[in-house]
PDB file of N, CA and C in Angstrom:
ATOM      1  N   MET A   1      10.085  -8.962  -3.677  1.00  0.00           N
ATOM      2  CA  MET A   1       9.170  -8.942  -2.554  1.00  0.00           C
ATOM      3  C   MET A   1       9.841  -9.598  -1.349  1.00  0.00           C
ATOM      4  N   ILE A   2       9.554  -9.095  -0.201  1.00  0.00           N
ATOM      5  CA  ILE A   2      10.141  -9.618   1.027  1.00  0.00           C
ATOM      6  C   ILE A   2       9.399 -10.898   1.442  1.00  0.00           C
ATOM      7  N   SER A   3      10.139 -11.907   1.838  1.00  0.00           N
ATOM      8  CA  SER A   3       9.527 -13.186   2.191  1.00  0.00           C
ATOM      9  C   SER A   3       8.906 -13.141   3.593  1.00  0.00           C
ATOM     10  N   TYR A   4       7.982 -14.047   3.823  1.00  0.00           N
ATOM     11  CA  TYR A   4       7.349 -14.149   5.136  1.00  0.00           C
ATOM     12  C   TYR A   4       8.393 -14.480   6.202  1.00  0.00           C
ATOM     13  N   GLU A   5       9.335 -15.335   5.838  1.00  0.00           N
ATOM     14  CA  GLU A   5      10.384 -15.706   6.790  1.00  0.00           C
ATOM     15  C   GLU A   5      11.225 -14.487   7.176  1.00  0.00           C
ATOM     16  N   ARG A   6      11.516 -13.640   6.185  1.00  0.00           N
ATOM     17  CA  ARG A   6      12.308 -12.439   6.466  1.00  0.00           C
ATOM     18  C   ARG A   6      11.522 -11.481   7.355  1.00  0.00           C
ATOM     19  N   LEU A   7      10.224 -11.342   7.101  1.00  0.00           N
ATOM     20  CA  LEU A   7       9.388 -10.510   7.970  1.00  0.00           C
ATOM     21  C   LEU A   7       9.402 -11.029   9.404  1.00  0.00           C
ATOM     22  N   GLU A   8       9.332 -12.341   9.563  1.00  0.00           N
ATOM     23  CA  GLU A   8       9.388 -12.943  10.897  1.00  0.00           C
ATOM     24  C   GLU A   8      10.724 -12.628  11.577  1.00  0.00           C
ATOM     25  N   GLU A   9      11.803 -12.745  10.823  1.00  0.00           N
ATOM     26  CA  GLU A   9      13.135 -12.464  11.368  1.00  0.00           C
ATOM     27  C   GLU A   9      13.234 -11.009  11.818  1.00  0.00           C
ATOM     28  N   ILE A  10      12.734 -10.096  11.002  1.00  0.00           N
ATOM     29  CA  ILE A  10      12.781  -8.679  11.335  1.00  0.00           C
ATOM     30  C   ILE A  10      11.914  -8.397  12.554  1.00  0.00           C
ATOM     31  N   ALA A  11      10.716  -8.977  12.586  1.00  0.00           N
ATOM     32  CA  ALA A  11       9.786  -8.745  13.691  1.00  0.00           C
ATOM     33  C   ALA A  11      10.330  -9.276  15.015  1.00  0.00           C
ATOM     34  N   SER A  12      11.134 -10.331  14.954  1.00  0.00           N
ATOM     35  CA  SER A  12      11.668 -10.924  16.183  1.00  0.00           C
ATOM     36  C   SER A  12      12.704 -10.031  16.851  1.00  0.00           C
ATOM     37  N   GLY A  13      13.283  -9.103  16.083  1.00  0.00           N
ATOM     38  CA  GLY A  13      14.284  -8.204  16.652  1.00  0.00           C
ATOM     39  C   GLY A  13      15.615  -8.870  16.898  1.00  0.00           C
ATOM     40  N   ASN A  14      15.875  -9.970  16.244  1.00  0.00           N
ATOM     41  CA  ASN A  14      17.127 -10.696  16.449  1.00  0.00           C
ATOM     42  C   ASN A  14      18.244 -10.177  15.559  1.00  0.00           C
ATOM     43  N   ALA A  15      18.486  -8.887  15.594  1.00  0.00           N
ATOM     44  CA  ALA A  15      19.588  -8.299  14.826  1.00  0.00           C
ATOM     45  C   ALA A  15      20.836  -8.326  15.686  1.00  0.00           C
ATOM     46  N   TRP A  16      21.954  -8.675  15.082  1.00  0.00           N
ATOM     47  CA  TRP A  16      23.187  -8.817  15.837  1.00  0.00           C
ATOM     48  C   TRP A  16      24.042  -7.563  15.828  1.00  0.00           C
ATOM     49  N   ARG A  17      23.745  -6.639  14.902  1.00  0.00           N
ATOM     50  CA  ARG A  17      24.535  -5.415  14.847  1.00  0.00           C
ATOM     51  C   ARG A  17      23.657  -4.263  14.378  1.00  0.00           C
ATOM     52  N   VAL A  18      24.085  -3.049  14.650  1.00  0.00           N
ATOM     53  CA  VAL A  18      23.308  -1.858  14.309  1.00  0.00           C
ATOM     54  C   VAL A  18      23.087  -1.769  12.800  1.00  0.00           C
ATOM     55  N   GLY A  19      24.093  -2.055  12.016  1.00  0.00           N
ATOM     56  CA  GLY A  19      23.968  -2.007  10.562  1.00  0.00           C
ATOM     57  C   GLY A  19      22.870  -2.910  10.047  1.00  0.00           C
ATOM     58  N   GLU A  20      22.724  -4.066  10.702  1.00  0.00           N
ATOM     59  CA  GLU A  20      21.682  -5.002  10.290  1.00  0.00           C
ATOM     60  C   GLU A  20      20.298  -4.423  10.559  1.00  0.00           C
ATOM     61  N   LEU A  21      20.155  -3.685  11.662  1.00  0.00           N
ATOM     62  CA  LEU A  21      18.878  -3.028  11.955  1.00  0.00           C
ATOM     63  C   LEU A  21      18.524  -2.023  10.865  1.00  0.00           C
ATOM     64  N   THR A  22      19.515  -1.262  10.429  1.00  0.00           N
ATOM     65  CA  THR A  22      19.302  -0.291   9.356  1.00  0.00           C
ATOM     66  C   THR A  22      18.876  -0.994   8.076  1.00  0.00           C
ATOM     67  N   ASP A  23      19.551  -2.072   7.743  1.00  0.00           N
ATOM     68  CA  ASP A  23      19.208  -2.848   6.546  1.00  0.00           C
ATOM     69  C   ASP A  23      17.774  -3.364   6.627  1.00  0.00           C
ATOM     70  N   MET A  24      17.399  -3.874   7.796  1.00  0.00           N
ATOM     71  CA  MET A  24      16.049  -4.400   7.988  1.00  0.00           C
ATOM     72  C   MET A  24      15.006  -3.300   7.848  1.00  0.00           C
ATOM     73  N   ALA A  25      15.285  -2.140   8.411  1.00  0.00           N
ATOM     74  CA  ALA A  25      14.351  -1.021   8.322  1.00  0.00           C
ATOM     75  C   ALA A  25      14.168  -0.601   6.875  1.00  0.00           C
ATOM     76  N   GLN A  26      15.238  -0.536   6.117  1.00  0.00           N
ATOM     77  CA  GLN A  26      15.149  -0.162   4.705  1.00  0.00           C
ATOM     78  C   GLN A  26      14.366  -1.204   3.912  1.00  0.00           C
ATOM     79  N   GLU A  27      14.572  -2.457   4.236  1.00  0.00           N
ATOM     80  CA  GLU A  27      13.845  -3.546   3.580  1.00  0.00           C
ATOM     81  C   GLU A  27      12.346  -3.418   3.822  1.00  0.00           C
ATOM     82  N   LEU A  28      11.983  -3.146   5.076  1.00  0.00           N
ATOM     83  CA  LEU A  28      10.564  -2.997   5.411  1.00  0.00           C
ATOM     84  C   LEU A  28       9.948  -1.797   4.713  1.00  0.00           C
ATOM     85  N   LEU A  29      10.650  -0.687   4.670  1.00  0.00           N
ATOM     86  CA  LEU A  29      10.131   0.498   3.992  1.00  0.00           C
ATOM     87  C   LEU A  29       9.950   0.247   2.504  1.00  0.00           C
ATOM     88  N   ALA A  30      10.879  -0.448   1.892  1.00  0.00           N
ATOM     89  CA  ALA A  30      10.761  -0.766   0.472  1.00  0.00           C
ATOM     90  C   ALA A  30       9.560  -1.670   0.229  1.00  0.00           C
ATOM     91  N   HIS A  31       9.321  -2.596   1.139  1.00  0.00           N
ATOM     92  CA  HIS A  31       8.193  -3.522   1.017  1.00  0.00           C
ATOM     93  C   HIS A  31       6.868  -2.786   1.159  1.00  0.00           C
ATOM     94  N   ARG A  32       6.852  -1.730   1.972  1.00  0.00           N
ATOM     95  CA  ARG A  32       5.626  -0.987   2.264  1.00  0.00           C
ATOM     96  C   ARG A  32       5.158  -0.156   1.078  1.00  0.00           C
ATOM     97  N   LYS A  33       6.060   0.249   0.207  1.00  0.00           N
ATOM     98  CA  LYS A  33       5.720   1.105  -0.920  1.00  0.00           C
ATOM     99  C   LYS A  33       5.012   0.301  -2.003  1.00  0.00           C
ATOM    100  N   ALA A  34       4.096   0.958  -2.690  1.00  0.00           N
ATOM    101  CA  ALA A  34       3.389   0.316  -3.795  1.00  0.00           C
ATOM    102  C   ALA A  34       4.304   0.244  -5.014  1.00  0.00           C
ATOM    103  N   ARG A  35       4.109  -0.785  -5.808  1.00  0.00           N
ATOM    104  CA  ARG A  35       4.847  -0.908  -7.050  1.00  0.00           C
ATOM    105  C   ARG A  35       4.335   0.123  -8.044  1.00  0.00           C
ATOM    106  N   ASP A  36       5.138   0.437  -9.044  1.00  0.00           N
ATOM    107  CA  ASP A  36       4.699   1.345 -10.096  1.00  0.00           C
ATOM    108  C   ASP A  36       3.418   0.815 -10.721  1.00  0.00           C
ATOM    109  N   GLY A  37       2.457   1.697 -10.924  1.00  0.00           N
ATOM    110  CA  GLY A  37       1.187   1.299 -11.520  1.00  0.00           C
ATOM    111  C   GLY A  37       0.184   0.755 -10.513  1.00  0.00           C
ATOM    112  N   TRP A  38       0.559   0.697  -9.245  1.00  0.00           N
ATOM    113  CA  TRP A  38      -0.318   0.200  -8.189  1.00  0.00           C
ATOM    114  C   TRP A  38      -0.610   1.340  -7.229  1.00  0.00           C
ATOM    115  N   GLN A  39      -1.690   1.186  -6.479  1.00  0.00           N
ATOM    116  CA  GLN A  39      -2.090   2.198  -5.509  1.00  0.00           C
ATOM    117  C   GLN A  39      -2.714   1.505  -4.310  1.00  0.00           C
ATOM    118  N   PHE A  40      -2.364   1.944  -3.115  1.00  0.00           N
ATOM    119  CA  PHE A  40      -3.001   1.430  -1.910  1.00  0.00           C
ATOM    120  C   PHE A  40      -4.352   2.107  -1.749  1.00  0.00           C
ATOM    121  N   VAL A  41      -5.383   1.336  -1.479  1.00  0.00           N
ATOM    122  CA  VAL A  41      -6.721   1.888  -1.269  1.00  0.00           C
ATOM    123  C   VAL A  41      -7.357   1.202  -0.060  1.00  0.00           C
ATOM    124  N   PRO A  42      -8.385   1.824   0.525  1.00  0.00           N
ATOM    125  CA  PRO A  42      -9.054   1.202   1.664  1.00  0.00           C
ATOM    126  C   PRO A  42      -9.725  -0.124   1.262  1.00  0.00           C
ATOM    127  N   VAL A  43      -9.866  -1.026   2.215  1.00  0.00           N
ATOM    128  CA  VAL A  43     -10.552  -2.295   1.957  1.00  0.00           C
ATOM    129  C   VAL A  43     -12.008  -2.018   1.600  1.00  0.00           C
ATOM    130  N   GLU A  44     -12.623  -1.141   2.324  1.00  0.00           N
ATOM    131  CA  GLU A  44     -14.000  -0.719   2.034  1.00  0.00           C
ATOM    132  C   GLU A  44     -13.948   0.654   1.377  1.00  0.00           C
ATOM    133  N   PRO A  45     -14.659   0.848   0.248  1.00  0.00           N
ATOM    134  CA  PRO A  45     -14.619   2.157  -0.410  1.00  0.00           C
ATOM    135  C   PRO A  45     -15.199   3.251   0.476  1.00  0.00           C
ATOM    136  N   THR A  46     -14.624   4.449   0.356  1.00  0.00           N
ATOM    137  CA  THR A  46     -15.136   5.597   1.108  1.00  0.00           C
ATOM    138  C   THR A  46     -16.371   6.151   0.391  1.00  0.00           C
ATOM    139  N   GLU A  47     -17.087   7.035   1.050  1.00  0.00           N
ATOM    140  CA  GLU A  47     -18.252   7.667   0.424  1.00  0.00           C
ATOM    141  C   GLU A  47     -17.830   8.425  -0.833  1.00  0.00           C
ATOM    142  N   GLU A  48     -16.665   9.069  -0.787  1.00  0.00           N
ATOM    143  CA  GLU A  48     -16.160   9.808  -1.937  1.00  0.00           C
ATOM    144  C   GLU A  48     -15.889   8.876  -3.113  1.00  0.00           C
ATOM    145  N   MET A  49     -15.347   7.700  -2.818  1.00  0.00           N
ATOM    146  CA  MET A  49     -15.074   6.730  -3.877  1.00  0.00           C
ATOM    147  C   MET A  49     -16.372   6.238  -4.512  1.00  0.00           C
ATOM    148  N   ILE A  50     -17.364   5.967  -3.697  1.00  0.00           N
ATOM    149  CA  ILE A  50     -18.654   5.501  -4.218  1.00  0.00           C
ATOM    150  C   ILE A  50     -19.303   6.585  -5.067  1.00  0.00           C
ATOM    151  N   ALA A  51     -19.283   7.820  -4.568  1.00  0.00           N
ATOM    152  CA  ALA A  51     -19.878   8.936  -5.317  1.00  0.00           C
ATOM    153  C   ALA A  51     -19.180   9.109  -6.665  1.00  0.00           C
ATOM    154  N   ALA A  52     -17.861   8.963  -6.681  1.00  0.00           N
ATOM    155  CA  ALA A  52     -17.115   9.093  -7.932  1.00  0.00           C
ATOM    156  C   ALA A  52     -17.508   7.996  -8.916  1.00  0.00           C
ATOM    157  N   ALA A  53     -17.680   6.787  -8.442  1.00  0.00           N
ATOM    158  CA  ALA A  53     -18.054   5.667  -9.314  1.00  0.00           C
ATOM    159  C   ALA A  53     -19.456   5.846  -9.893  1.00  0.00           C
ATOM    160  N   LEU A  54     -20.361   6.410  -9.116  1.00  0.00           N
ATOM    161  CA  LEU A  54     -21.745   6.570  -9.578  1.00  0.00           C
ATOM    162  C   LEU A  54     -21.876   7.593 -10.706  1.00  0.00           C
ATOM    163  N   LYS A  55     -20.841   8.362 -10.944  1.00  0.00           N
ATOM    164  CA  LYS A  55     -20.862   9.321 -12.059  1.00  0.00           C
ATOM    165  C   LYS A  55     -20.741   8.620 -13.402  1.00  0.00           C
ATOM    166  N   PHE A  56     -20.367   7.334 -13.386  1.00  0.00           N
ATOM    167  CA  PHE A  56     -20.163   6.572 -14.613  1.00  0.00           C
ATOM    168  C   PHE A  56     -20.965   5.267 -14.575  1.00  0.00           C
ATOM    169  N   PRO A  57     -22.311   5.342 -14.610  1.00  0.00           N
ATOM    170  CA  PRO A  57     -23.111   4.120 -14.533  1.00  0.00           C
ATOM    171  C   PRO A  57     -22.821   3.181 -15.712  1.00  0.00           C
ATOM    172  N   ALA A  58     -22.690   1.916 -15.407  1.00  0.00           N
ATOM    173  CA  ALA A  58     -22.467   0.848 -16.390  1.00  0.00           C
ATOM    174  C   ALA A  58     -21.176   1.027 -17.187  1.00  0.00           C
ATOM    175  N   GLN A  59     -20.205   1.736 -16.647  1.00  0.00           N
ATOM    176  CA  GLN A  59     -18.897   1.894 -17.296  1.00  0.00           C
ATOM    177  C   GLN A  59     -17.827   1.490 -16.276  1.00  0.00           C
ATOM    178  N   THR A  60     -17.676   0.210 -16.090  1.00  0.00           N
ATOM    179  CA  THR A  60     -16.855  -0.340 -15.018  1.00  0.00           C
ATOM    180  C   THR A  60     -15.449   0.248 -14.962  1.00  0.00           C
ATOM    181  N   ARG A  61     -14.764   0.325 -16.079  1.00  0.00           N
ATOM    182  CA  ARG A  61     -13.385   0.833 -16.060  1.00  0.00           C
ATOM    183  C   ARG A  61     -13.336   2.296 -15.620  1.00  0.00           C
ATOM    184  N   LYS A  62     -14.266   3.096 -16.095  1.00  0.00           N
ATOM    185  CA  LYS A  62     -14.298   4.501 -15.696  1.00  0.00           C
ATOM    186  C   LYS A  62     -14.690   4.622 -14.222  1.00  0.00           C
ATOM    187  N   GLN A  63     -15.603   3.754 -13.762  1.00  0.00           N
ATOM    188  CA  GLN A  63     -15.976   3.750 -12.346  1.00  0.00           C
ATOM    189  C   GLN A  63     -14.755   3.439 -11.489  1.00  0.00           C
ATOM    190  N   TYR A  64     -14.029   2.419 -11.887  1.00  0.00           N
ATOM    191  CA  TYR A  64     -12.856   1.999 -11.118  1.00  0.00           C
ATOM    192  C   TYR A  64     -11.807   3.109 -11.093  1.00  0.00           C
ATOM    193  N   ALA A  65     -11.553   3.721 -12.243  1.00  0.00           N
ATOM    194  CA  ALA A  65     -10.583   4.813 -12.312  1.00  0.00           C
ATOM    195  C   ALA A  65     -11.015   5.979 -11.429  1.00  0.00           C
ATOM    196  N   ALA A  66     -12.306   6.299 -11.434  1.00  0.00           N
ATOM    197  CA  ALA A  66     -12.825   7.394 -10.607  1.00  0.00           C
ATOM    198  C   ALA A  66     -12.680   7.064  -9.122  1.00  0.00           C
ATOM    199  N   MET A  67     -12.932   5.814  -8.754  1.00  0.00           N
ATOM    200  CA  MET A  67     -12.804   5.400  -7.358  1.00  0.00           C
ATOM    201  C   MET A  67     -11.347   5.499  -6.896  1.00  0.00           C
ATOM    202  N   LEU A  68     -10.416   5.074  -7.749  1.00  0.00           N
ATOM    203  CA  LEU A  68      -9.004   5.173  -7.388  1.00  0.00           C
ATOM    204  C   LEU A  68      -8.583   6.626  -7.230  1.00  0.00           C
ATOM    205  N   ALA A  69      -9.065   7.476  -8.118  1.00  0.00           N
ATOM    206  CA  ALA A  69      -8.718   8.895  -8.030  1.00  0.00           C
ATOM    207  C   ALA A  69      -9.283   9.522  -6.767  1.00  0.00           C
ATOM    208  N   ALA A  70     -10.440   9.046  -6.297  1.00  0.00           N
ATOM    209  CA  ALA A  70     -11.090   9.597  -5.122  1.00  0.00           C
ATOM    210  C   ALA A  70     -10.619   8.965  -3.821  1.00  0.00           C
ATOM    211  N   ALA A  71      -9.829   7.894  -3.918  1.00  0.00           N
ATOM    212  CA  ALA A  71      -9.352   7.197  -2.719  1.00  0.00           C
ATOM    213  C   ALA A  71      -8.434   8.106  -1.908  1.00  0.00           C
ATOM    214  N   PRO A  72      -8.470   7.967  -0.572  1.00  0.00           N
ATOM    215  CA  PRO A  72      -7.551   8.753   0.265  1.00  0.00           C
ATOM    216  C   PRO A  72      -6.107   8.411  -0.091  1.00  0.00           C
ATOM    217  N   LYS A  73      -5.256   9.393  -0.049  1.00  0.00           N
ATOM    218  CA  LYS A  73      -3.843   9.191  -0.344  1.00  0.00           C
ATOM    219  C   LYS A  73      -3.134   8.736   0.920  1.00  0.00           C
ATOM    220  N   PRO A  74      -2.204   7.763   0.808  1.00  0.00           N
ATOM    221  CA  PRO A  74      -1.497   7.288   1.996  1.00  0.00           C
ATOM    222  C   PRO A  74      -0.580   8.355   2.554  1.00  0.00           C
ATOM    223  N   PHE A  75      -0.290   8.236   3.830  1.00  0.00           N
ATOM    224  CA  PHE A  75       0.646   9.132   4.501  1.00  0.00           C
ATOM    225  C   PHE A  75       2.019   8.906   3.887  1.00  0.00           C
ATOM    226  N   THR A  76       2.710   9.976   3.569  1.00  0.00           N
ATOM    227  CA  THR A  76       4.081   9.859   3.061  1.00  0.00           C
ATOM    228  C   THR A  76       5.017  10.599   3.996  1.00  0.00           C
ATOM    229  N   ASP A  77       6.237  10.111   4.061  1.00  0.00           N
ATOM    230  CA  ASP A  77       7.232  10.697   4.960  1.00  0.00           C
ATOM    231  C   ASP A  77       7.643  12.071   4.509  1.00  0.00           C
TER     232      ASP A  77
END
């Protein structure tokens, strides 16, 4: 995981050479990607996510799985 200090360094734009800028950009992109087994989801569930969860009353794990499946997919390059 990228450290807070490294994020600060990258954000400051204090790169001394072009190669360093490339390295920083790659570091940030790697940090932005979800780890295997993880998924980025909205902070607040969407209507689709809520509707998917309601199909499984009192079955928390199935509700959660349905909500993740219904979550919007992140933009990919």
